[in-house]
Amino acid sequence: TPFCGDTICNADETNYACLQDCRAMTTIQINRDDVMSPPAGAYWTMSYDSSSNEYDLPVPLQRMELLDGREIRFNLINNSDSKILARDVISEMLLVYPKERRIQALDQTSLLAGPSDTVEEFSNPKIGSASRAFKFSSPDGKTTYVIACITKGYNVVLTVNSGLFEYNSILDLAKKALNKIEVYSSLR
């Protein structure tokens, strides 16, 4: 029977109701030290959104009884004039759903593609207790990679909106993201 203190962020727990299982999400999310190096002449900035309102999520991830969620986004900034070169190049969503909804949410990530995007599913990245990986290609040549997985009661959705990075670099970042959650859970 799940309980507060079992090291898993269970369906009825949030970081407000059971901090020891649902650590404040900012401490277990990726940060600038984790992401790939920016291109020459640029640097990363970060922004956060925190919400347990599932209607703040992309439509495919709504209506699944979201309990808690947090997103971190990385923008690419020009070194010389501090202007934004690209918004939301990398984002990581940590989402807490009831246990019976986690696989459904994982499966919905294929629907994050745009209506005219070509969707290519990669072989299972085999990270976390379940995972899927996709490449979305738009007609205008834009590439988006999505790696989604489940670990320790969290659904993790990592999105990279750029042709700047290869899939293996993005997979390494996803592994870092899961490792942060798993290491934290093992220390409690």
Protein backbone atom coordinates (compact mmCIF):
# COMPACT_ATOMS: atom_id res chain seq x y z
CA THR A 1 0.00 0.00 0.00
CA PRO A 2 1.47 3.38 -1.00
CA PHE A 3 2.23 5.79 1.85
CA CYS A 4 4.02 9.06 2.47
CA GLY A 5 7.62 8.05 3.10
CA ASP A 6 7.87 5.13 0.65
CA THR A 7 10.25 7.14 -1.64
CA ILE A 8 7.72 7.17 -4.52
CA CYS A 9 5.60 10.20 -5.39
CA ASN A 10 2.27 8.36 -5.28
CA ALA A 11 -1.07 9.33 -6.81
CA ASP A 12 -2.42 11.21 -3.79
CA GLU A 13 0.87 12.96 -2.93
CA THR A 14 2.31 16.28 -4.08
CA ASN A 15 5.42 18.15 -3.00
CA TYR A 16 3.09 20.12 -0.71
CA ALA A 17 1.40 17.09 0.89
CA CYS A 18 4.44 14.79 1.08
CA LEU A 19 7.70 16.63 0.47
CA GLN A 20 9.83 13.63 1.39
CA ASP A 21 8.42 11.62 -1.55
CA CYS A 22 7.62 14.44 -3.96
CA ARG A 23 10.69 16.59 -3.53
CA ALA A 24 10.31 20.17 -4.64
CA MET A 25 10.61 19.53 -8.34
CA THR A 26 13.22 22.21 -9.00
CA THR A 27 15.79 20.21 -7.07
CA ILE A 28 15.37 17.11 -9.24
CA GLN A 29 15.00 18.76 -12.64
CA ILE A 30 17.77 19.30 -15.13
CA ASN A 31 19.70 22.57 -14.99
CA ARG A 32 22.30 24.43 -17.06
CA ASP A 33 25.05 22.09 -15.85
CA ASP A 34 23.15 19.09 -17.25
CA VAL A 35 22.20 20.30 -20.73
CA MET A 36 24.35 20.18 -23.83
CA SER A 37 26.78 23.04 -24.45
CA PRO A 38 25.17 25.89 -26.38
CA PRO A 39 26.50 26.80 -29.81
CA ALA A 40 29.46 29.23 -29.93
CA GLY A 41 28.45 32.79 -29.12
CA ALA A 42 25.38 31.81 -27.10
CA TYR A 43 24.30 30.82 -23.60
CA TRP A 44 21.26 29.27 -21.92
CA THR A 45 18.65 30.95 -19.75
CA MET A 46 16.03 28.99 -17.82
CA SER A 47 12.40 29.63 -16.97
CA TYR A 48 10.01 27.59 -14.84
CA ASP A 49 6.28 26.94 -14.80
CA SER A 50 4.67 25.14 -11.89
CA SER A 51 1.13 23.96 -12.04
CA SER A 52 -1.24 21.26 -10.98
CA ASN A 53 -3.74 22.62 -13.52
CA GLU A 54 -3.68 20.06 -16.31
CA TYR A 55 -5.19 22.56 -18.74
CA ASP A 56 -1.84 24.37 -18.74
CA LEU A 57 -0.35 21.27 -20.42
CA PRO A 58 -0.39 20.40 -24.13
CA VAL A 59 -3.82 18.99 -25.03
CA PRO A 60 -2.71 15.32 -25.38
CA LEU A 61 -1.56 15.35 -21.72
CA GLN A 62 -4.79 16.81 -20.34
CA ARG A 63 -7.80 15.04 -18.77
CA MET A 64 -5.70 12.43 -16.97
CA GLU A 65 -6.11 13.73 -13.43
CA LEU A 66 -2.77 15.57 -13.14
CA LEU A 67 -1.81 15.88 -9.47
CA ASP A 68 1.28 18.05 -9.79
CA GLY A 69 3.59 19.31 -12.48
CA ARG A 70 6.54 21.53 -13.25
CA GLU A 71 8.25 22.50 -16.47
CA ILE A 72 11.67 23.99 -17.00
CA ARG A 73 12.50 25.59 -20.35
CA PHE A 74 15.85 26.64 -21.80
CA ASN A 75 16.13 29.59 -24.17
CA LEU A 76 19.19 30.26 -26.33
CA ILE A 77 20.59 33.78 -25.88
CA ASN A 78 23.12 35.67 -28.01
CA ASN A 79 26.30 36.52 -26.02
CA SER A 80 26.94 39.84 -27.77
CA ASP A 81 23.54 41.54 -27.40
CA SER A 82 21.61 39.25 -24.98
CA LYS A 83 18.78 38.85 -27.49
CA ILE A 84 16.82 35.62 -27.63
CA LEU A 85 18.02 33.45 -30.52
CA ALA A 86 15.52 30.65 -29.86
CA ARG A 87 12.81 30.08 -27.24
CA ASP A 88 12.07 26.78 -25.57
CA VAL A 89 14.92 24.91 -27.26
CA ILE A 90 14.90 22.35 -24.44
CA SER A 91 12.09 21.65 -21.99
CA GLU A 92 11.57 19.08 -19.28
CA MET A 93 8.16 18.41 -17.78
CA LEU A 94 7.90 16.48 -14.52
CA LEU A 95 4.32 15.34 -14.12
CA VAL A 96 2.61 13.39 -11.36
CA TYR A 97 -0.44 11.38 -12.43
CA PRO A 98 -2.38 8.70 -10.59
CA LYS A 99 -0.61 5.35 -11.04
CA GLU A 100 -3.33 4.02 -13.33
CA ARG A 101 -2.86 7.00 -15.71
CA ARG A 102 0.94 7.02 -16.07
CA ILE A 103 1.18 4.63 -19.05
CA GLN A 104 -1.70 6.41 -20.78
CA ALA A 105 0.13 9.73 -20.38
CA LEU A 106 3.33 8.15 -21.70
CA ASP A 107 1.50 6.85 -24.76
CA GLN A 108 -0.04 10.27 -25.43
CA THR A 109 3.38 11.84 -26.06
CA SER A 110 3.25 10.70 -29.69
CA LEU A 111 0.33 13.12 -30.10
CA LEU A 112 2.47 16.15 -29.20
CA ALA A 113 3.44 16.42 -32.88
CA GLY A 114 1.96 19.18 -35.00
CA PRO A 115 -0.93 18.26 -37.32
CA SER A 116 1.27 18.15 -40.44
CA ASP A 117 4.40 16.74 -38.77
CA THR A 118 5.89 13.43 -39.78
CA VAL A 119 6.26 11.23 -36.67
CA GLU A 120 9.12 8.75 -36.40
CA GLU A 121 9.22 6.53 -33.32
CA PHE A 122 12.66 5.34 -32.25
CA SER A 123 13.27 2.00 -30.61
CA ASN A 124 12.48 1.96 -26.90
CA PRO A 125 15.24 3.91 -25.11
CA LYS A 126 14.86 1.53 -22.12
CA ILE A 127 15.16 4.16 -19.41
CA GLY A 128 12.99 4.29 -16.32
CA SER A 129 10.23 1.72 -15.85
CA ALA A 130 8.73 2.58 -19.27
CA SER A 131 9.84 4.91 -22.06
CA ARG A 132 9.23 6.07 -25.63
CA ALA A 133 11.16 8.33 -28.02
CA PHE A 134 10.06 10.26 -31.10
CA LYS A 135 11.28 12.60 -33.81
CA PHE A 136 8.77 15.06 -35.23
CA SER A 137 9.64 16.68 -38.56
CA SER A 138 7.58 19.60 -39.79
CA PRO A 139 7.08 20.45 -43.48
CA ASP A 140 9.25 23.57 -43.00
CA GLY A 141 12.22 21.46 -41.87
CA LYS A 142 11.92 21.99 -38.10
CA THR A 143 12.95 18.99 -36.00
CA THR A 144 11.64 18.17 -32.52
CA TYR A 145 12.78 15.23 -30.41
CA VAL A 146 10.65 13.94 -27.54
CA ILE A 147 11.75 11.34 -25.00
CA ALA A 148 9.14 10.39 -22.42
CA CYS A 149 9.57 8.00 -19.52
CA ILE A 150 8.28 7.03 -16.11
CA THR A 151 10.38 6.71 -12.95
CA LYS A 152 9.67 6.82 -9.21
CA GLY A 153 6.10 8.06 -9.72
CA TYR A 154 7.02 10.83 -12.18
CA ASN A 155 6.24 11.07 -15.87
CA VAL A 156 9.18 12.87 -17.47
CA VAL A 157 8.77 14.47 -20.91
CA LEU A 158 11.97 15.88 -22.42
CA THR A 159 11.53 17.92 -25.60
CA VAL A 160 14.30 19.40 -27.76
CA ASN A 161 13.10 21.77 -30.49
CA SER A 162 16.20 22.07 -32.56
CA GLY A 163 18.33 20.46 -35.18
CA LEU A 164 21.39 21.58 -33.17
CA PHE A 165 21.70 18.31 -31.25
CA GLU A 166 21.81 14.67 -32.27
CA TYR A 167 19.44 12.10 -30.81
CA ASN A 168 22.19 10.41 -28.74
CA SER A 169 22.97 13.70 -26.96
CA ILE A 170 19.29 14.11 -26.17
CA LEU A 171 19.07 10.53 -24.92
CA ASP A 172 22.07 11.23 -22.64
CA LEU A 173 20.23 14.26 -21.27
CA ALA A 174 17.13 12.15 -20.62
CA LYS A 175 19.28 9.64 -18.73
CA LYS A 176 20.71 12.48 -16.61
CA ALA A 177 17.19 13.69 -15.87
CA LEU A 178 16.07 10.25 -14.69
CA ASN A 179 19.27 9.71 -12.75
CA LYS A 180 18.63 12.88 -10.72
CA ILE A 181 15.21 11.56 -9.69
CA GLU A 182 16.47 8.05 -8.96
CA VAL A 183 19.50 9.23 -6.96
CA TYR A 184 17.32 11.53 -4.86
CA SER A 185 14.83 8.70 -4.24
CA SER A 186 17.60 6.31 -3.18
CA LEU A 187 18.98 8.80 -0.63
CA ARG A 188 15.75 9.06 1.30
